[in-house]
């Protein structure tokens, strides 16, 4: 008897990112496989990256994964301006740690305390020890840091982390900020 295929949802720990994530549909190797339907809801992402090539490449990757509600910014100042002008908070702030005008973790702090974002992901070429320290600082400060990714970006880790963020994003009924 052939049953209709239903995605298997499991909790998976992503070792390098050290997050728990409900993962939908694992392939035979235990790797994430996403149905495009999952990403069709409009997840609003603010991407802050000061290197034009990295910004463009990351935007292309995000688009290829089904994320099309992207707002790019080249520095923290323009990102804060965009957040202030937005009608509702961004679900995800995807942010370089080493911006020219402010550290990424400080931008996450400002943005989350103002209610401009729900979650954040740091992108960086820092060492894993330095990134783990940032993660600890974020946790101590109560910041909504979902994880970090090292540059150059690992496509699978980026997709997995974004999907985890999208799954955890609750649809909001109000367009106002706290």
C-alpha atoms as a PDB file:
ATOM      1  CA  UNK A   1       0.000   0.000   0.000  1.00  0.00           C
ATOM      2  CA  UNK A   2       1.440   3.362  -1.015  1.00  0.00           C
ATOM      3  CA  UNK A   3       0.951   6.089   1.540  1.00  0.00           C
ATOM      4  CA  UNK A   4       1.284   9.728   0.566  1.00  0.00           C
ATOM      5  CA  UNK A   5       4.746  11.055   1.347  1.00  0.00           C
ATOM      6  CA  UNK A   6       4.734  13.201   4.474  1.00  0.00           C
ATOM      7  CA  UNK A   7       7.785  15.094   5.641  1.00  0.00           C
ATOM      8  CA  UNK A   8       9.423  13.710   8.760  1.00  0.00           C
ATOM      9  CA  UNK A   9      10.091  16.395  11.347  1.00  0.00           C
ATOM     10  CA  UNK A  10      12.860  15.735  13.820  1.00  0.00           C
ATOM     11  CA  UNK A  11      14.854  17.746  16.299  1.00  0.00           C
ATOM     12  CA  UNK A  12      18.415  17.932  15.081  1.00  0.00           C
ATOM     13  CA  UNK A  13      21.405  19.477  16.771  1.00  0.00           C
ATOM     14  CA  UNK A  14      23.599  21.297  14.314  1.00  0.00           C
ATOM     15  CA  UNK A  15      27.010  20.799  15.962  1.00  0.00           C
ATOM     16  CA  UNK A  16      28.902  23.737  14.524  1.00  0.00           C
ATOM     17  CA  UNK A  17      26.036  26.104  15.244  1.00  0.00           C
ATOM     18  CA  UNK A  18      25.039  24.427  18.498  1.00  0.00           C
ATOM     19  CA  UNK A  19      21.343  25.064  18.010  1.00  0.00           C
ATOM     20  CA  UNK A  20      18.323  22.809  18.280  1.00  0.00           C
ATOM     21  CA  UNK A  21      16.141  23.029  15.229  1.00  0.00           C
ATOM     22  CA  UNK A  22      13.080  21.238  14.010  1.00  0.00           C
ATOM     23  CA  UNK A  23      14.287  19.986  10.646  1.00  0.00           C
ATOM     24  CA  UNK A  24      11.830  18.996   7.984  1.00  0.00           C
ATOM     25  CA  UNK A  25      12.616  16.094   5.692  1.00  0.00           C
ATOM     26  CA  UNK A  26      15.960  14.441   6.139  1.00  0.00           C
ATOM     27  CA  UNK A  27      17.410  12.630   3.144  1.00  0.00           C
ATOM     28  CA  UNK A  28      19.019   9.191   3.339  1.00  0.00           C
ATOM     29  CA  UNK A  29      22.267  10.725   4.577  1.00  0.00           C
ATOM     30  CA  UNK A  30      20.489  12.617   7.353  1.00  0.00           C
ATOM     31  CA  UNK A  31      20.908  15.954   5.579  1.00  0.00           C
ATOM     32  CA  UNK A  32      18.354  18.716   5.407  1.00  0.00           C
ATOM     33  CA  UNK A  33      16.085  18.706   2.395  1.00  0.00           C
ATOM     34  CA  UNK A  34      13.512  21.471   2.255  1.00  0.00           C
ATOM     35  CA  UNK A  35      10.364  21.698   0.230  1.00  0.00           C
ATOM     36  CA  UNK A  36      10.032  25.097  -1.426  1.00  0.00           C
ATOM     37  CA  UNK A  37       6.554  25.495   0.110  1.00  0.00           C
ATOM     38  CA  UNK A  38       8.180  25.934   3.497  1.00  0.00           C
ATOM     39  CA  UNK A  39       9.946  29.089   2.385  1.00  0.00           C
ATOM     40  CA  UNK A  40       7.063  30.658   0.501  1.00  0.00           C
ATOM     41  CA  UNK A  41       5.889  32.609   3.500  1.00  0.00           C
ATOM     42  CA  UNK A  42       7.441  36.029   3.466  1.00  0.00           C
ATOM     43  CA  UNK A  43      10.315  36.090   5.917  1.00  0.00           C
ATOM     44  CA  UNK A  44      11.675  39.618   6.053  1.00  0.00           C
ATOM     45  CA  UNK A  45      15.476  39.649   6.203  1.00  0.00           C
ATOM     46  CA  UNK A  46      17.723  42.639   6.751  1.00  0.00           C
ATOM     47  CA  UNK A  47      21.158  41.795   5.336  1.00  0.00           C
ATOM     48  CA  UNK A  48      23.997  44.025   6.581  1.00  0.00           C
ATOM     49  CA  UNK A  49      27.330  43.514   4.837  1.00  0.00           C
ATOM     50  CA  UNK A  50      29.938  46.163   3.998  1.00  0.00           C
ATOM     51  CA  UNK A  51      31.703  44.235   1.207  1.00  0.00           C
ATOM     52  CA  UNK A  52      29.735  44.661  -2.059  1.00  0.00           C
ATOM     53  CA  UNK A  53      30.704  41.232  -3.410  1.00  0.00           C
ATOM     54  CA  UNK A  54      29.708  39.450  -0.176  1.00  0.00           C
ATOM     55  CA  UNK A  55      26.435  41.392  -0.097  1.00  0.00           C
ATOM     56  CA  UNK A  56      25.552  40.441  -3.683  1.00  0.00           C
ATOM     57  CA  UNK A  57      26.616  36.808  -3.282  1.00  0.00           C
ATOM     58  CA  UNK A  58      24.609  36.403  -0.074  1.00  0.00           C
ATOM     59  CA  UNK A  59      21.554  38.013  -1.664  1.00  0.00           C
ATOM     60  CA  UNK A  60      21.794  35.554  -4.572  1.00  0.00           C
ATOM     61  CA  UNK A  61      22.028  32.623  -2.161  1.00  0.00           C
ATOM     62  CA  UNK A  62      19.057  33.832  -0.150  1.00  0.00           C
ATOM     63  CA  UNK A  63      16.996  34.260  -3.308  1.00  0.00           C
ATOM     64  CA  UNK A  64      17.908  30.758  -4.465  1.00  0.00           C
ATOM     65  CA  UNK A  65      16.578  29.382  -1.157  1.00  0.00           C
ATOM     66  CA  UNK A  66      13.241  31.148  -1.623  1.00  0.00           C
ATOM     67  CA  UNK A  67      13.875  34.188   0.567  1.00  0.00           C
ATOM     68  CA  UNK A  68      12.845  37.228  -1.472  1.00  0.00           C
ATOM     69  CA  UNK A  69      11.902  39.808   1.164  1.00  0.00           C
ATOM     70  CA  UNK A  70      15.475  41.096   1.437  1.00  0.00           C
ATOM     71  CA  UNK A  71      16.589  44.541   2.487  1.00  0.00           C
ATOM     72  CA  UNK A  72      20.318  45.170   1.986  1.00  0.00           C
ATOM     73  CA  UNK A  73      22.412  47.658   3.949  1.00  0.00           C
ATOM     74  CA  UNK A  74      26.130  48.465   3.642  1.00  0.00           C
ATOM     75  CA  UNK A  75      26.705  49.564   7.256  1.00  0.00           C
ATOM     76  CA  UNK A  76      25.084  49.797  10.680  1.00  0.00           C
ATOM     77  CA  UNK A  77      23.968  53.394  10.208  1.00  0.00           C
ATOM     78  CA  UNK A  78      21.960  52.619   7.082  1.00  0.00           C
ATOM     79  CA  UNK A  79      20.626  49.423   8.682  1.00  0.00           C
ATOM     80  CA  UNK A  80      19.338  51.346  11.701  1.00  0.00           C
ATOM     81  CA  UNK A  81      17.742  53.918   9.414  1.00  0.00           C
ATOM     82  CA  UNK A  82      16.009  51.144   7.424  1.00  0.00           C
ATOM     83  CA  UNK A  83      14.796  49.487  10.629  1.00  0.00           C
ATOM     84  CA  UNK A  84      13.371  52.766  11.928  1.00  0.00           C
ATOM     85  CA  UNK A  85      11.534  53.339   8.642  1.00  0.00           C
ATOM     86  CA  UNK A  86      10.131  49.799   8.464  1.00  0.00           C
ATOM     87  CA  UNK A  87       6.463  49.304   9.262  1.00  0.00           C
ATOM     88  CA  UNK A  88       7.150  46.095  11.173  1.00  0.00           C
ATOM     89  CA  UNK A  89      10.169  44.291  12.644  1.00  0.00           C
ATOM     90  CA  UNK A  90      12.427  42.155  10.499  1.00  0.00           C
ATOM     91  CA  UNK A  91      12.214  38.456  11.282  1.00  0.00           C
ATOM     92  CA  UNK A  92      15.941  38.006  10.708  1.00  0.00           C
ATOM     93  CA  UNK A  93      18.925  40.337  10.889  1.00  0.00           C
ATOM     94  CA  UNK A  94      21.764  38.703   8.962  1.00  0.00           C
ATOM     95  CA  UNK A  95      24.769  40.781   9.915  1.00  0.00           C
ATOM     96  CA  UNK A  96      28.520  40.942   9.387  1.00  0.00           C
ATOM     97  CA  UNK A  97      30.325  41.193  12.735  1.00  0.00           C
ATOM     98  CA  UNK A  98      33.049  43.550  11.495  1.00  0.00           C
ATOM     99  CA  UNK A  99      31.146  46.504  10.061  1.00  0.00           C
ATOM    100  CA  UNK A 100      33.043  49.776   9.549  1.00  0.00           C
ATOM    101  CA  UNK A 101      30.864  51.829  11.896  1.00  0.00           C
ATOM    102  CA  UNK A 102      29.701  49.369  14.590  1.00  0.00           C
ATOM    103  CA  UNK A 103      30.288  45.782  15.607  1.00  0.00           C
ATOM    104  CA  UNK A 104      27.554  43.396  14.486  1.00  0.00           C
ATOM    105  CA  UNK A 105      26.791  42.274  18.040  1.00  0.00           C
ATOM    106  CA  UNK A 106      26.239  45.913  19.057  1.00  0.00           C
ATOM    107  CA  UNK A 107      23.895  46.387  16.097  1.00  0.00           C
ATOM    108  CA  UNK A 108      21.959  43.303  17.186  1.00  0.00           C
ATOM    109  CA  UNK A 109      21.763  44.722  20.715  1.00  0.00           C
ATOM    110  CA  UNK A 110      20.433  48.097  19.522  1.00  0.00           C
ATOM    111  CA  UNK A 111      18.000  46.537  17.056  1.00  0.00           C
ATOM    112  CA  UNK A 112      16.567  43.982  19.470  1.00  0.00           C
ATOM    113  CA  UNK A 113      16.143  46.476  22.321  1.00  0.00           C
ATOM    114  CA  UNK A 114      14.217  48.777  19.963  1.00  0.00           C
ATOM    115  CA  UNK A 115      12.029  45.890  18.775  1.00  0.00           C
ATOM    116  CA  UNK A 116      13.331  46.163  15.204  1.00  0.00           C
ATOM    117  CA  UNK A 117      14.227  42.441  14.831  1.00  0.00           C
ATOM    118  CA  UNK A 118      13.105  39.030  16.082  1.00  0.00           C
ATOM    119  CA  UNK A 119      16.295  37.023  15.505  1.00  0.00           C
ATOM    120  CA  UNK A 120      19.842  37.561  14.324  1.00  0.00           C
ATOM    121  CA  UNK A 121      22.629  35.621  12.655  1.00  0.00           C
ATOM    122  CA  UNK A 122      26.227  36.825  12.631  1.00  0.00           C
ATOM    123  CA  UNK A 123      28.437  36.371   9.580  1.00  0.00           C
ATOM    124  CA  UNK A 124      32.165  36.643  10.184  1.00  0.00           C
ATOM    125  CA  UNK A 125      35.667  35.556   9.343  1.00  0.00           C
ATOM    126  CA  UNK A 126      36.658  35.574  13.027  1.00  0.00           C
ATOM    127  CA  UNK A 127      38.015  32.383  14.567  1.00  0.00           C
ATOM    128  CA  UNK A 128      35.609  29.842  16.027  1.00  0.00           C
ATOM    129  CA  UNK A 129      36.849  30.715  19.539  1.00  0.00           C
ATOM    130  CA  UNK A 130      36.049  34.393  18.953  1.00  0.00           C
ATOM    131  CA  UNK A 131      32.647  33.517  17.519  1.00  0.00           C
ATOM    132  CA  UNK A 132      31.857  31.266  20.472  1.00  0.00           C
ATOM    133  CA  UNK A 133      32.769  34.157  22.769  1.00  0.00           C
ATOM    134  CA  UNK A 134      30.352  36.401  20.839  1.00  0.00           C
ATOM    135  CA  UNK A 135      27.653  33.761  21.198  1.00  0.00           C
ATOM    136  CA  UNK A 136      28.289  33.646  24.966  1.00  0.00           C
ATOM    137  CA  UNK A 137      28.154  37.450  25.206  1.00  0.00           C
ATOM    138  CA  UNK A 138      24.884  37.478  23.269  1.00  0.00           C
ATOM    139  CA  UNK A 139      23.425  34.870  25.595  1.00  0.00           C
ATOM    140  CA  UNK A 140      24.530  36.772  28.715  1.00  0.00           C
ATOM    141  CA  UNK A 141      22.947  39.944  27.334  1.00  0.00           C
ATOM    142  CA  UNK A 142      19.728  38.193  26.347  1.00  0.00           C
ATOM    143  CA  UNK A 143      20.164  38.931  22.651  1.00  0.00           C
ATOM    144  CA  UNK A 144      18.196  36.967  20.027  1.00  0.00           C
ATOM    145  CA  UNK A 145      21.290  35.536  18.335  1.00  0.00           C
ATOM    146  CA  UNK A 146      20.277  32.315  16.624  1.00  0.00           C
ATOM    147  CA  UNK A 147      23.819  31.458  15.583  1.00  0.00           C
ATOM    148  CA  UNK A 148      26.797  32.440  13.530  1.00  0.00           C
ATOM    149  CA  UNK A 149      28.317  31.466  10.224  1.00  0.00           C
ATOM    150  CA  UNK A 150      31.949  31.707   9.216  1.00  0.00           C
ATOM    151  CA  UNK A 151      33.067  33.203   5.939  1.00  0.00           C
ATOM    152  CA  UNK A 152      33.265  31.994   3.311  1.00  0.00           C
ATOM    153  CA  UNK A 153      29.689  30.900   3.887  1.00  0.00           C
ATOM    154  CA  UNK A 154      28.873  27.225   3.921  1.00  0.00           C
ATOM    155  CA  UNK A 155      25.744  26.991   1.766  1.00  0.00           C
ATOM    156  CA  UNK A 156      24.219  24.100   3.711  1.00  0.00           C
ATOM    157  CA  UNK A 157      24.746  25.772   7.101  1.00  0.00           C
ATOM    158  CA  UNK A 158      23.335  29.069   5.831  1.00  0.00           C
ATOM    159  CA  UNK A 159      20.227  27.379   4.489  1.00  0.00           C
ATOM    160  CA  UNK A 160      19.745  25.300   7.631  1.00  0.00           C
ATOM    161  CA  UNK A 161      20.130  28.261   9.962  1.00  0.00           C
ATOM    162  CA  UNK A 162      17.757  30.420   7.909  1.00  0.00           C
ATOM    163  CA  UNK A 163      15.177  27.661   7.774  1.00  0.00           C
ATOM    164  CA  UNK A 164      15.450  27.251  11.551  1.00  0.00           C
ATOM    165  CA  UNK A 165      14.900  30.982  11.941  1.00  0.00           C
ATOM    166  CA  UNK A 166      11.942  30.872   9.560  1.00  0.00           C
ATOM    167  CA  UNK A 167      10.395  27.938  11.422  1.00  0.00           C
ATOM    168  CA  UNK A 168      10.784  29.725  14.749  1.00  0.00           C
ATOM    169  CA  UNK A 169       9.340  32.989  13.389  1.00  0.00           C
ATOM    170  CA  UNK A 170       5.838  33.373  14.627  1.00  0.00           C
ATOM    171  CA  UNK A 171       3.442  35.170  12.322  1.00  0.00           C
ATOM    172  CA  UNK A 172       2.626  38.511  13.916  1.00  0.00           C
ATOM    173  CA  UNK A 173      -0.934  39.783  14.133  1.00  0.00           C
ATOM    174  CA  UNK A 174       0.114  43.351  14.724  1.00  0.00           C
ATOM    175  CA  UNK A 175       2.392  45.531  12.670  1.00  0.00           C
ATOM    176  CA  UNK A 176       3.485  47.636  15.608  1.00  0.00           C
ATOM    177  CA  UNK A 177       6.627  47.371  17.682  1.00  0.00           C
ATOM    178  CA  UNK A 178       6.854  47.091  21.430  1.00  0.00           C
END
